[in-house]
Amino acid sequence: MIDVDSRYQKIGISISGGADSALLAWMICKQSAAQIHFVYQIRMWKTRPWQEFYADRVMEWFKKNFSNDFVVHKNFVPPEMEEPSTDYITDEYGDSKPGNRIILRAHNEYIAHKQKLDAWYAGVTLNPPVTLEGELEDRNIPGYNKHKVIHDVNVHHPFVDCAKDWVMKQYLDNNLHELLRLTRSCEGEFEGIDYTNYRYGEDVNECGECFWCRERKWGLDNAYT
């Protein structure tokens, strides 16, 4: 289990519908009675409109299985602001980042301030120790931003020293097969299905080819190695 300060009364969690953030939420809810604020980012709504459904069903699982008071906040990221389409912008902290990351960070700060959160958690993990095309370079640094304080809010990234094999092992060891099946890692897009014909609630097969699919498979294959 990760360490969750018992004094936290309101906790924000970045939720995506993926396995990392769902496991993080489970660990927090198992040991804290705090009010939980799930924050979800609606992204690539035209080409991957099903993503919101998968995130919603993960959040519904928590509402059914835990007695915490859950509050859901949804934000919208215009596709034009997604990397690599967007130009890099210097944010208020002097860092050069793509538009989508600035939108995510700024919205999270807004929610944390508006809701007077004590802490914020995100399930960022290390890249696997094998080369997979499409990996994000900032996931190659163990311990990166594991804990910091921003505007009096404790920001935690407790998984930054762990890769997907560790994440999958936690699912298997704790018999979280149902939750794992509800999560989706795939970020593939498919010819013939988009926002014009996708109906909310429909399952969409995973591509098996994107970095996120290959990382998940690597994690499952190596959970006990």
Foldseek 3Di string as FASTA:
>chain_A
DDDDDQPWQEEEFEFFLALQSLLVVVVDQVPYLHAYEYEYEDEPCFFCVQRVLLRVVSVVVCVVVGDHNYHYHYHYDPHCQDPPNAAWDQDPVRDTHGRVVNVVVVVVVVCCVVVVGQEYEYRQAAEPPDDDPPDDPVLPDAPPCQWDADPNYIYHHPHSNDALLQSVLVCVVVVVVVSNVSGDQAPDGDPPDTNVPDDHPDDDDGPCRHRRNVSNVVSVVRNPD
